[in-house]
C-alpha atoms as a PDB file:
ATOM      1  CA  MET A   1     -88.130 -14.783 147.928  1.00  0.00           C
ATOM      2  CA  MET A   2     -87.257 -12.549 145.039  1.00  0.00           C
ATOM      3  CA  LEU A   3     -88.249 -13.787 141.604  1.00  0.00           C
ATOM      4  CA  ILE A   4     -85.470 -13.313 138.848  1.00  0.00           C
ATOM      5  CA  PRO A   5     -86.662 -12.457 135.451  1.00  0.00           C
ATOM      6  CA  PRO A   6     -85.850 -15.421 132.971  1.00  0.00           C
ATOM      7  CA  ASP A   7     -84.000 -12.757 130.743  1.00  0.00           C
ATOM      8  CA  ALA A   8     -82.144 -11.763 133.757  1.00  0.00           C
ATOM      9  CA  ALA A   9     -79.683 -14.459 133.997  1.00  0.00           C
ATOM     10  CA  VAL A  10     -76.074 -13.778 132.884  1.00  0.00           C
ATOM     11  CA  ALA A  11     -74.203 -16.787 131.948  1.00  0.00           C
ATOM     12  CA  ALA A  12     -70.413 -16.876 132.484  1.00  0.00           C
ATOM     13  CA  VAL A  13     -68.080 -19.435 130.717  1.00  0.00           C
ATOM     14  CA  HIS A  14     -64.149 -20.062 131.351  1.00  0.00           C
ATOM     15  CA  THR A  15     -62.489 -20.727 128.183  1.00  0.00           C
ATOM     16  CA  THR A  16     -59.352 -21.004 126.170  1.00  0.00           C
ATOM     17  CA  PRO A  17     -58.090 -20.171 122.521  1.00  0.00           C
ATOM     18  CA  ALA A  18     -57.873 -23.978 121.905  1.00  0.00           C
ATOM     19  CA  THR A  19     -61.548 -24.594 123.147  1.00  0.00           C
ATOM     20  CA  VAL A  20     -63.192 -21.110 122.365  1.00  0.00           C
ATOM     21  CA  ALA A  21     -65.850 -22.474 119.886  1.00  0.00           C
ATOM     22  CA  ASP A  22     -66.978 -25.265 122.038  1.00  0.00           C
ATOM     23  CA  SER A  23     -67.108 -22.632 125.090  1.00  0.00           C
ATOM     24  CA  TYR A  24     -69.416 -20.274 122.968  1.00  0.00           C
ATOM     25  CA  ARG A  25     -71.859 -23.404 122.201  1.00  0.00           C
ATOM     26  CA  ARG A  26     -71.922 -24.302 125.890  1.00  0.00           C
ATOM     27  CA  LEU A  27     -72.715 -20.345 126.556  1.00  0.00           C
ATOM     28  CA  LEU A  28     -75.742 -20.395 124.135  1.00  0.00           C
ATOM     29  CA  THR A  29     -77.077 -23.760 125.884  1.00  0.00           C
ATOM     30  CA  LEU A  30     -76.750 -21.703 129.392  1.00  0.00           C
ATOM     31  CA  VAL A  31     -78.546 -18.514 128.190  1.00  0.00           C
ATOM     32  CA  GLY A  32     -80.844 -20.359 126.332  1.00  0.00           C
ATOM     33  CA  ILE A  33     -83.028 -19.078 123.197  1.00  0.00           C
ATOM     34  CA  ALA A  34     -86.702 -19.215 123.627  1.00  0.00           C
ATOM     35  CA  ALA A  35     -87.361 -20.647 119.862  1.00  0.00           C
ATOM     36  CA  THR A  36     -85.338 -20.838 116.762  1.00  0.00           C
ATOM     37  CA  PRO A  37     -85.771 -17.613 114.964  1.00  0.00           C
ATOM     38  CA  ARG A  38     -86.086 -17.326 111.063  1.00  0.00           C
ATOM     39  CA  ARG A  39     -83.472 -14.475 110.704  1.00  0.00           C
ATOM     40  CA  ALA A  40     -80.763 -13.234 113.042  1.00  0.00           C
ATOM     41  CA  ILE A  41     -79.171  -9.614 112.907  1.00  0.00           C
ATOM     42  CA  LEU A  42     -75.543  -9.585 114.389  1.00  0.00           C
ATOM     43  CA  ILE A  43     -74.212  -6.295 115.664  1.00  0.00           C
ATOM     44  CA  PRO A  44     -70.373  -6.282 116.212  1.00  0.00           C
ATOM     45  CA  ARG A  45     -69.265  -3.127 118.298  1.00  0.00           C
ATOM     46  CA  TYR A  46     -65.799  -1.879 118.489  1.00  0.00           C
ATOM     47  CA  ALA A  47     -64.908   1.191 120.642  1.00  0.00           C
ATOM     48  CA  ARG A  48     -61.727   1.977 118.660  1.00  0.00           C
ATOM     49  CA  SER A  49     -61.083   2.183 114.690  1.00  0.00           C
ATOM     50  CA  LEU A  50     -57.947  -0.015 115.289  1.00  0.00           C
ATOM     51  CA  PRO A  51     -57.970  -3.284 116.747  1.00  0.00           C
ATOM     52  CA  PHE A  52     -56.737  -2.739 120.342  1.00  0.00           C
ATOM     53  CA  PRO A  53     -56.852  -5.560 122.524  1.00  0.00           C
ATOM     54  CA  GLY A  54     -60.170  -5.821 124.290  1.00  0.00           C
ATOM     55  CA  ALA A  55     -61.716  -2.885 122.453  1.00  0.00           C
ATOM     56  CA  GLY A  56     -63.780  -4.669 119.825  1.00  0.00           C
ATOM     57  CA  ALA A  57     -65.694  -7.833 119.021  1.00  0.00           C
ATOM     58  CA  THR A  58     -63.341 -10.361 118.410  1.00  0.00           C
ATOM     59  CA  PRO A  59     -63.154 -12.377 114.773  1.00  0.00           C
ATOM     60  CA  TRP A  60     -63.836 -15.549 116.618  1.00  0.00           C
ATOM     61  CA  GLN A  61     -67.045 -14.014 118.290  1.00  0.00           C
ATOM     62  CA  LEU A  62     -68.267 -13.081 114.916  1.00  0.00           C
ATOM     63  CA  GLU A  63     -67.404 -16.284 113.086  1.00  0.00           C
ATOM     64  CA  THR A  64     -68.358 -18.824 115.836  1.00  0.00           C
ATOM     65  CA  MET A  65     -72.066 -17.136 116.437  1.00  0.00           C
ATOM     66  CA  THR A  66     -72.765 -17.128 112.959  1.00  0.00           C
ATOM     67  CA  ARG A  67     -71.764 -20.796 112.597  1.00  0.00           C
ATOM     68  CA  LEU A  68     -73.865 -21.961 115.469  1.00  0.00           C
ATOM     69  CA  PHE A  69     -76.865 -19.937 114.167  1.00  0.00           C
ATOM     70  CA  LEU A  70     -76.271 -21.629 110.772  1.00  0.00           C
ATOM     71  CA  ARG A  71     -76.242 -24.908 112.383  1.00  0.00           C
ATOM     72  CA  ALA A  72     -79.163 -24.254 114.659  1.00  0.00           C
ATOM     73  CA  GLY A  73     -81.503 -23.604 111.254  1.00  0.00           C
ATOM     74  CA  VAL A  74     -81.689 -20.010 111.083  1.00  0.00           C
ATOM     75  CA  THR A  75     -82.121 -19.138 107.611  1.00  0.00           C
ATOM     76  CA  SER A  76     -81.336 -15.541 107.236  1.00  0.00           C
ATOM     77  CA  ILE A  77     -78.386 -14.008 108.750  1.00  0.00           C
ATOM     78  CA  THR A  78     -77.181 -10.066 108.373  1.00  0.00           C
ATOM     79  CA  ALA A  79     -74.919  -7.753 110.279  1.00  0.00           C
ATOM     80  CA  VAL A  80     -74.685  -4.311 110.726  1.00  0.00           C
ATOM     81  CA  LEU A  81     -70.958  -3.929 109.220  1.00  0.00           C
ATOM     82  CA  PRO A  82     -68.654  -1.057 108.988  1.00  0.00           C
ATOM     83  CA  ALA A  83     -67.815   0.280 105.479  1.00  0.00           C
ATOM     84  CA  ARG A  84     -65.328  -2.050 103.967  1.00  0.00           C
ATOM     85  CA  HIS A  85     -62.711   0.625 103.304  1.00  0.00           C
ATOM     86  CA  SER A  86     -62.740   1.902 107.293  1.00  0.00           C
ATOM     87  CA  ASP A  87     -63.097  -1.899 108.595  1.00  0.00           C
ATOM     88  CA  MET A  88     -59.921  -2.559 110.251  1.00  0.00           C
ATOM     89  CA  HIS A  89     -61.334  -5.319 112.396  1.00  0.00           C
ATOM     90  CA  GLY A  90     -61.909  -7.707 109.490  1.00  0.00           C
ATOM     91  CA  TYR A  91     -65.718  -8.185 110.173  1.00  0.00           C
ATOM     92  CA  THR A  92     -66.690  -7.296 106.265  1.00  0.00           C
ATOM     93  CA  ALA A  93     -64.246  -9.781 104.998  1.00  0.00           C
ATOM     94  CA  ILE A  94     -65.271 -12.907 107.723  1.00  0.00           C
ATOM     95  CA  ALA A  95     -69.178 -11.935 106.905  1.00  0.00           C
ATOM     96  CA  ALA A  96     -68.126 -12.164 103.010  1.00  0.00           C
ATOM     97  CA  ALA A  97     -66.824 -15.721 103.840  1.00  0.00           C
ATOM     98  CA  LEU A  98     -69.520 -16.819 105.899  1.00  0.00           C
ATOM     99  CA  GLY A  99     -72.423 -15.529 103.133  1.00  0.00           C
ATOM    100  CA  ILE A 100     -73.459 -12.964 105.615  1.00  0.00           C
ATOM    101  CA  ASP A 101     -75.361  -9.952 104.128  1.00  0.00           C
ATOM    102  CA  ALA A 102     -74.787  -6.287 105.090  1.00  0.00           C
ATOM    103  CA  LEU A 103     -77.900  -4.544 106.731  1.00  0.00           C
ATOM    104  CA  ARG A 104     -77.994  -1.703 104.691  1.00  0.00           C
ATOM    105  CA  SER A 105     -81.379   0.152 106.551  1.00  0.00           C
ATOM    106  CA  ALA A 106     -83.596  -0.267 109.334  1.00  0.00           C
ATOM    107  CA  PRO A 107     -85.013  -3.977 109.299  1.00  0.00           C
ATOM    108  CA  GLN A 108     -88.329  -5.345 109.658  1.00  0.00           C
ATOM    109  CA  ILE A 109     -88.385  -6.624 113.094  1.00  0.00           C
ATOM    110  CA  ASP A 110     -90.912  -9.432 114.565  1.00  0.00           C
ATOM    111  CA  HIS A 111     -91.343 -12.267 116.908  1.00  0.00           C
ATOM    112  CA  GLU A 112     -89.231 -14.473 114.449  1.00  0.00           C
ATOM    113  CA  THR A 113     -86.190 -12.122 114.649  1.00  0.00           C
ATOM    114  CA  LEU A 114     -83.186 -12.817 117.031  1.00  0.00           C
ATOM    115  CA  ILE A 115     -80.766  -9.561 117.404  1.00  0.00           C
ATOM    116  CA  VAL A 116     -77.183 -10.630 118.450  1.00  0.00           C
ATOM    117  CA  VAL A 117     -74.976  -7.723 119.933  1.00  0.00           C
ATOM    118  CA  LEU A 118     -71.644  -8.878 120.016  1.00  0.00           C
ATOM    119  CA  ILE A 119     -69.680  -6.540 122.316  1.00  0.00           C
ATOM    120  CA  PRO A 120     -65.954  -6.366 123.990  1.00  0.00           C
ATOM    121  CA  CYS A 121     -65.338  -5.676 127.760  1.00  0.00           C
ATOM    122  CA  ARG A 122     -64.408  -2.175 127.835  1.00  0.00           C
ATOM    123  CA  ILE A 123     -64.576   0.871 129.998  1.00  0.00           C
ATOM    124  CA  ASP A 124     -62.585   4.337 129.020  1.00  0.00           C
ATOM    125  CA  ARG A 125     -62.365   8.130 129.860  1.00  0.00           C
ATOM    126  CA  HIS A 126     -64.960   9.285 132.393  1.00  0.00           C
ATOM    127  CA  ASN A 127     -65.772   5.628 133.229  1.00  0.00           C
ATOM    128  CA  GLY A 128     -67.453   4.947 130.146  1.00  0.00           C
ATOM    129  CA  LEU A 129     -68.684   1.775 129.711  1.00  0.00           C
ATOM    130  CA  PHE A 130     -68.780   0.213 126.076  1.00  0.00           C
ATOM    131  CA  GLY A 131     -72.061  -1.873 126.622  1.00  0.00           C
ATOM    132  CA  ALA A 132     -74.382  -3.787 124.646  1.00  0.00           C
ATOM    133  CA  THR A 133     -77.651  -1.751 125.374  1.00  0.00           C
ATOM    134  CA  PRO A 134     -76.731   1.070 123.328  1.00  0.00           C
ATOM    135  CA  GLY A 135     -75.663  -1.056 120.606  1.00  0.00           C
ATOM    136  CA  VAL A 136     -79.137  -1.928 119.671  1.00  0.00           C
ATOM    137  CA  ALA A 137     -79.284   1.556 118.440  1.00  0.00           C
ATOM    138  CA  ALA A 138     -77.081   0.775 115.637  1.00  0.00           C
ATOM    139  CA  LEU A 139     -80.288  -0.860 114.039  1.00  0.00           C
ATOM    140  CA  PHE A 140     -81.769   2.223 113.641  1.00  0.00           C
ATOM    141  CA  HIS A 141     -78.888   4.668 113.428  1.00  0.00           C
ATOM    142  CA  SER A 142     -75.871   4.393 111.240  1.00  0.00           C
ATOM    143  CA  ALA A 143     -73.266   5.729 113.937  1.00  0.00           C
ATOM    144  CA  ALA A 144     -70.780   2.424 114.183  1.00  0.00           C
ATOM    145  CA  ALA A 145     -69.717   3.696 117.791  1.00  0.00           C
ATOM    146  CA  ILE A 146     -73.049   4.687 119.050  1.00  0.00           C
ATOM    147  CA  ARG A 147     -72.761   5.110 122.815  1.00  0.00           C
ATOM    148  CA  ASN A 148     -75.287   6.713 125.401  1.00  0.00           C
ATOM    149  CA  THR A 149     -77.125   8.897 123.163  1.00  0.00           C
ATOM    150  CA  PRO A 150     -80.912   9.764 123.389  1.00  0.00           C
ATOM    151  CA  HIS A 151     -81.620   7.073 120.785  1.00  0.00           C
ATOM    152  CA  THR A 152     -80.518   4.180 123.066  1.00  0.00           C
ATOM    153  CA  LEU A 153     -83.715   3.499 124.944  1.00  0.00           C
ATOM    154  CA  PRO A 154     -86.191   4.317 122.438  1.00  0.00           C
ATOM    155  CA  ALA A 155     -84.319   1.697 120.073  1.00  0.00           C
ATOM    156  CA  LEU A 156     -84.476  -0.884 122.965  1.00  0.00           C
ATOM    157  CA  ALA A 157     -87.868  -0.232 123.327  1.00  0.00           C
ATOM    158  CA  GLN A 158     -89.000  -0.568 120.042  1.00  0.00           C
ATOM    159  CA  VAL A 159     -87.188  -3.834 119.597  1.00  0.00           C
ATOM    160  CA  ARG A 160     -89.045  -5.100 122.994  1.00  0.00           C
ATOM    161  CA  ARG A 161     -92.335  -3.947 121.697  1.00  0.00           C
ATOM    162  CA  ARG A 162     -92.042  -5.745 118.490  1.00  0.00           C
ATOM    163  CA  GLY A 163     -91.320  -8.913 120.240  1.00  0.00           C
ATOM    164  CA  ALA A 164     -88.137  -9.579 118.954  1.00  0.00           C
ATOM    165  CA  GLN A 165     -85.538 -12.075 120.795  1.00  0.00           C
ATOM    166  CA  LEU A 166     -82.508  -9.993 122.120  1.00  0.00           C
ATOM    167  CA  LEU A 167     -79.318 -11.802 122.940  1.00  0.00           C
ATOM    168  CA  ALA A 168     -75.998  -9.884 124.169  1.00  0.00           C
ATOM    169  CA  VAL A 169     -72.977 -11.811 123.876  1.00  0.00           C
ATOM    170  CA  ALA A 170     -69.598 -10.413 125.624  1.00  0.00           C
ATOM    171  CA  ASP A 171     -66.076 -11.466 124.858  1.00  0.00           C
ATOM    172  CA  ALA A 172     -63.791 -11.128 128.181  1.00  0.00           C
ATOM    173  CA  THR A 173     -60.924 -13.225 126.673  1.00  0.00           C
ATOM    174  CA  THR A 174     -59.031 -10.069 126.946  1.00  0.00           C
ATOM    175  CA  ILE A 175     -60.473  -6.732 128.509  1.00  0.00           C
ATOM    176  CA  SER A 176     -59.303  -3.188 128.084  1.00  0.00           C
ATOM    177  CA  ASP A 177     -59.313  -0.402 130.792  1.00  0.00           C
ATOM    178  CA  GLY A 178     -58.675   3.135 129.677  1.00  0.00           C
ATOM    179  CA  ARG A 179     -59.376   5.048 132.793  1.00  0.00           C
ATOM    180  CA  ASP A 180     -55.861   5.802 133.323  1.00  0.00           C
ATOM    181  CA  ALA A 181     -54.871   9.387 132.096  1.00  0.00           C
ATOM    182  CA  LYS A 182     -51.370   8.279 130.842  1.00  0.00           C
ATOM    183  CA  THR A 183     -52.185   4.858 128.905  1.00  0.00           C
ATOM    184  CA  GLU A 184     -54.881   2.221 128.151  1.00  0.00           C
ATOM    185  CA  TYR A 185     -54.437  -1.431 129.573  1.00  0.00           C
ATOM    186  CA  ALA A 186     -54.980  -4.997 128.079  1.00  0.00           C
ATOM    187  CA  GLU A 187     -55.759  -7.881 130.581  1.00  0.00           C
ATOM    188  CA  VAL A 188     -56.433 -11.386 129.546  1.00  0.00           C
ATOM    189  CA  ARG A 189     -59.674 -12.900 131.450  1.00  0.00           C
ATOM    190  CA  SER A 190     -60.748 -15.884 129.497  1.00  0.00           C
ATOM    191  CA  VAL A 191     -64.315 -15.468 130.016  1.00  0.00           C
ATOM    192  CA  LEU A 192     -67.168 -15.464 127.823  1.00  0.00           C
ATOM    193  CA  LEU A 193     -70.595 -13.723 129.030  1.00  0.00           C
ATOM    194  CA  ALA A 194     -74.216 -13.671 127.414  1.00  0.00           C
ATOM    195  CA  SER A 195     -77.708 -12.595 128.332  1.00  0.00           C
ATOM    196  CA  ARG A 196     -81.192 -12.275 126.764  1.00  0.00           C
ATOM    197  CA  ASP A 197     -81.188  -9.101 128.639  1.00  0.00           C
ATOM    198  CA  PRO A 198     -78.577  -6.275 127.165  1.00  0.00           C
ATOM    199  CA  ALA A 199     -78.921  -4.341 130.411  1.00  0.00           C
ATOM    200  CA  ALA A 200     -78.471  -7.264 132.606  1.00  0.00           C
ATOM    201  CA  LEU A 201     -75.007  -7.961 130.916  1.00  0.00           C
ATOM    202  CA  ASP A 202     -74.209  -4.539 130.945  1.00  0.00           C
ATOM    203  CA  ALA A 203     -74.841  -3.945 134.717  1.00  0.00           C
ATOM    204  CA  THR A 204     -72.694  -7.294 135.400  1.00  0.00           C
ATOM    205  CA  ILE A 205     -69.833  -5.715 133.148  1.00  0.00           C
ATOM    206  CA  ALA A 206     -70.215  -2.394 135.016  1.00  0.00           C
ATOM    207  CA  ALA A 207     -70.014  -4.307 138.246  1.00  0.00           C
ATOM    208  CA  GLN A 208     -66.773  -6.085 137.235  1.00  0.00           C
ATOM    209  CA  PHE A 209     -65.288  -2.782 136.424  1.00  0.00           C
ATOM    210  CA  GLY A 210     -65.970  -1.500 139.812  1.00  0.00           C
ATOM    211  CA  LEU A 211     -68.981   0.577 138.941  1.00  0.00           C
ATOM    212  CA  ASP A 212     -72.332   0.854 140.592  1.00  0.00           C
ATOM    213  CA  PRO A 213     -74.901   0.036 137.466  1.00  0.00           C
ATOM    214  CA  LEU A 214     -77.773   2.086 138.826  1.00  0.00           C
ATOM    215  CA  GLN A 215     -75.625   5.093 140.174  1.00  0.00           C
ATOM    216  CA  ASP A 216     -72.698   5.249 137.499  1.00  0.00           C
ATOM    217  CA  VAL A 217     -74.095   4.344 133.937  1.00  0.00           C
ATOM    218  CA  ALA A 218     -77.294   6.545 133.136  1.00  0.00           C
ATOM    219  CA  TRP A 219     -78.605   4.418 130.192  1.00  0.00           C
ATOM    220  CA  LEU A 220     -78.635   1.250 132.866  1.00  0.00           C
ATOM    221  CA  HIS A 221     -80.665   3.637 135.621  1.00  0.00           C
ATOM    222  CA  GLU A 222     -83.205   4.514 132.641  1.00  0.00           C
ATOM    223  CA  ALA A 223     -83.565   1.210 131.078  1.00  0.00           C
ATOM    224  CA  HIS A 224     -84.445  -0.360 134.713  1.00  0.00           C
ATOM    225  CA  ARG A 225     -86.319   2.402 135.944  1.00  0.00           C
ATOM    226  CA  GLN A 226     -88.626   2.124 132.632  1.00  0.00           C
ATOM    227  CA  GLY A 227     -88.480  -1.747 132.597  1.00  0.00           C
ATOM    228  CA  TRP A 228     -86.730  -2.148 129.492  1.00  0.00           C
ATOM    229  CA  GLY A 229     -84.124  -4.415 131.214  1.00  0.00           C
ATOM    230  CA  THR A 230     -82.848  -5.292 134.886  1.00  0.00           C
ATOM    231  CA  ALA A 231     -79.897  -3.364 135.864  1.00  0.00           C
ATOM    232  CA  ASP A 232     -80.000  -4.331 139.865  1.00  0.00           C
ATOM    233  CA  LEU A 233     -77.605  -6.519 140.416  1.00  0.00           C
ATOM    234  CA  HIS A 234     -79.692  -8.241 143.040  1.00  0.00           C
ATOM    235  CA  ALA A 235     -82.596  -9.054 140.799  1.00  0.00           C
ATOM    236  CA  MET A 236     -80.436 -10.917 138.217  1.00  0.00           C
ATOM    237  CA  ALA A 237     -78.831 -14.437 138.712  1.00  0.00           C
ATOM    238  CA  ILE A 238     -75.126 -15.433 137.347  1.00  0.00           C
ATOM    239  CA  CYS A 239     -75.250 -19.162 135.896  1.00  0.00           C
ATOM    240  CA  GLY A 240     -72.344 -21.148 134.522  1.00  0.00           C
ATOM    241  CA  ASP A 241     -68.800 -20.756 136.031  1.00  0.00           C
ATOM    242  CA  VAL A 242     -69.955 -18.033 138.394  1.00  0.00           C
ATOM    243  CA  GLU A 243     -66.178 -18.176 139.972  1.00  0.00           C
ATOM    244  CA  ALA A 244     -65.045 -16.516 136.775  1.00  0.00           C
ATOM    245  CA  LEU A 245     -66.631 -13.232 138.246  1.00  0.00           C
ATOM    246  CA  ASN A 246     -65.295 -13.442 141.666  1.00  0.00           C
ATOM    247  CA  ASP A 247     -62.216 -11.023 141.014  1.00  0.00           C
ATOM    248  CA  ARG A 248     -63.184  -7.429 139.612  1.00  0.00           C
ATOM    249  CA  TRP A 249     -61.500  -6.471 136.542  1.00  0.00           C
ATOM    250  CA  GLY A 250     -59.186  -3.550 135.153  1.00  0.00           C
ATOM    251  CA  LEU A 251     -55.830  -2.640 136.368  1.00  0.00           C
ATOM    252  CA  ALA A 252     -56.995   1.177 137.213  1.00  0.00           C
ATOM    253  CA  PRO A 253     -59.498   2.429 139.550  1.00  0.00           C
ATOM    254  CA  PRO A 254     -62.244   3.963 138.931  1.00  0.00           C
ATOM    255  CA  SER A 255     -61.557   7.836 138.060  1.00  0.00           C
ATOM    256  CA  PRO A 256     -63.213  11.053 136.896  1.00  0.00           C
ATOM    257  CA  ARG A 257     -59.887  11.961 135.142  1.00  0.00           C
ATOM    258  CA  ARG A 258     -60.110  12.332 131.457  1.00  0.00           C
ATOM    259  CA  ALA A 259     -58.096   9.688 129.511  1.00  0.00           C
ATOM    260  CA  ILE A 260     -56.034  10.584 126.460  1.00  0.00           C
ATOM    261  CA  GLY A 261     -58.250  10.461 123.334  1.00  0.00           C
ATOM    262  CA  CYS A 262     -57.534   6.931 122.713  1.00  0.00           C
ATOM    263  CA  CYS A 263     -60.712   6.287 120.134  1.00  0.00           C
ATOM    264  CA  ARG A 264     -58.856   8.502 117.738  1.00  0.00           C
ATOM    265  CA  ARG A 265     -55.310   8.549 118.442  1.00  0.00           C
ATOM    266  CA  TRP A 266     -52.941   5.325 118.167  1.00  0.00           C
ATOM    267  CA  THR A 267     -49.989   6.287 120.480  1.00  0.00           C
ATOM    268  CA  THR A 268     -46.381   4.316 120.979  1.00  0.00           C
ATOM    269  CA  ALA A 269     -47.902   2.918 123.998  1.00  0.00           C
ATOM    270  CA  ASP A 270     -50.932   1.428 121.928  1.00  0.00           C
ATOM    271  CA  ALA A 271     -48.727  -0.164 119.481  1.00  0.00           C
ATOM    272  CA  THR A 272     -46.512  -1.797 122.596  1.00  0.00           C
ATOM    273  CA  THR A 273     -49.551  -3.199 124.066  1.00  0.00           C
ATOM    274  CA  LEU A 274     -50.771  -4.518 120.717  1.00  0.00           C
ATOM    275  CA  VAL A 275     -47.461  -6.275 119.755  1.00  0.00           C
ATOM    276  CA  SER A 276     -46.862  -7.588 123.219  1.00  0.00           C
ATOM    277  CA  TRP A 277     -50.406  -8.966 123.209  1.00  0.00           C
ATOM    278  CA  LEU A 278     -50.128 -10.440 119.741  1.00  0.00           C
ATOM    279  CA  ARG A 279     -46.758 -12.351 120.778  1.00  0.00           C
ATOM    280  CA  HIS A 280     -47.142 -13.232 124.005  1.00  0.00           C
ATOM    281  CA  THR A 281     -50.828 -14.371 124.938  1.00  0.00           C
ATOM    282  CA  GLY A 282     -52.641 -17.229 123.247  1.00  0.00           C
ATOM    283  CA  TRP A 283     -55.443 -14.780 122.287  1.00  0.00           C
ATOM    284  CA  GLY A 284     -53.190 -12.723 120.415  1.00  0.00           C
ATOM    285  CA  ARG A 285     -51.906 -15.445 118.500  1.00  0.00           C
ATOM    286  CA  LEU A 286     -55.598 -16.772 117.857  1.00  0.00           C
ATOM    287  CA  PHE A 287     -56.253 -13.037 116.512  1.00  0.00           C
ATOM    288  CA  ARG A 288     -53.250 -13.213 113.994  1.00  0.00           C
ATOM    289  CA  ASN A 289     -54.546 -16.776 112.934  1.00  0.00           C
ATOM    290  CA  TYR A 290     -57.678 -14.926 111.792  1.00  0.00           C
ATOM    291  CA  GLN A 291     -56.026 -12.646 109.982  1.00  0.00           C
ATOM    292  CA  THR A 292     -53.910 -15.005 108.275  1.00  0.00           C
ATOM    293  CA  ARG A 293     -57.414 -16.826 107.359  1.00  0.00           C
ATOM    294  CA  TYR A 294     -59.086 -14.133 106.104  1.00  0.00           C
ATOM    295  CA  ALA A 295     -56.457 -11.811 104.967  1.00  0.00           C
ATOM    296  CA  LEU A 296     -56.777  -9.345 107.422  1.00  0.00           C
ATOM    297  CA  HIS A 297     -54.336  -6.570 108.057  1.00  0.00           C
ATOM    298  CA  SER A 298     -53.564  -4.438 111.287  1.00  0.00           C
ATOM    299  CA  ARG A 299     -52.546  -1.425 109.945  1.00  0.00           C
ATOM    300  CA  ARG A 300     -50.893   0.909 112.529  1.00  0.00           C
END
């Protein structure tokens, strides 16, 4: 019988806009935290500068996770935040309202530190997975959208060696698939995922998009090979609402074609997708509520 490392469990929870806060509470219960940390560092990640559906950590993700940690007794919460003038997702406004300080330099990390990477479920050109594993590198490197760079695994290894707890949380309420050469799709899935192993979470998301984590995602292959995470789907367990992952995600098949430069450009199709999501889905309406609550504006 194969022994599953305790960190290699991935929790999945169905959710709705009306119950998302309770769903995040259940998600944390399923994934578990070894001990209540003294300090938490939140890393909300985004793939696009403009808030395209499914392309960035959601505002309710940042707010709800912060409130849960405060109730749990975490005494210090900081966040890796973009500059206020360039933040079109509203992370800085939410952080300010909740009393979260921005992390200004590489932090001191020890066994009383919990590092929480908040990610969207997103894939784009060249089958590029936007994952939690490289998000850890944002602690030591200022690039807000750092991806599969040489800094990824050294950062993960450094955190592991210092004994800090890791938690990766993915919001798949809406996913985005940008593999099509002509346009990018947004698809409502209403699922939350979490793991204490960022590589295990990334591997699960990669598989949902039809990729082989060990063959198609270089940083996952290396993290698994070097023992800094589990990316072998057969060596991890899914708990919670397992049926939520029965169907693969995405409207476009994996393709080597180069997609449009969607991280830098805002197209008419993008605007149409965003407006439709805001008007016709519960998650889009929830996003608009957050814009009103925190006086955010989606400039297009």
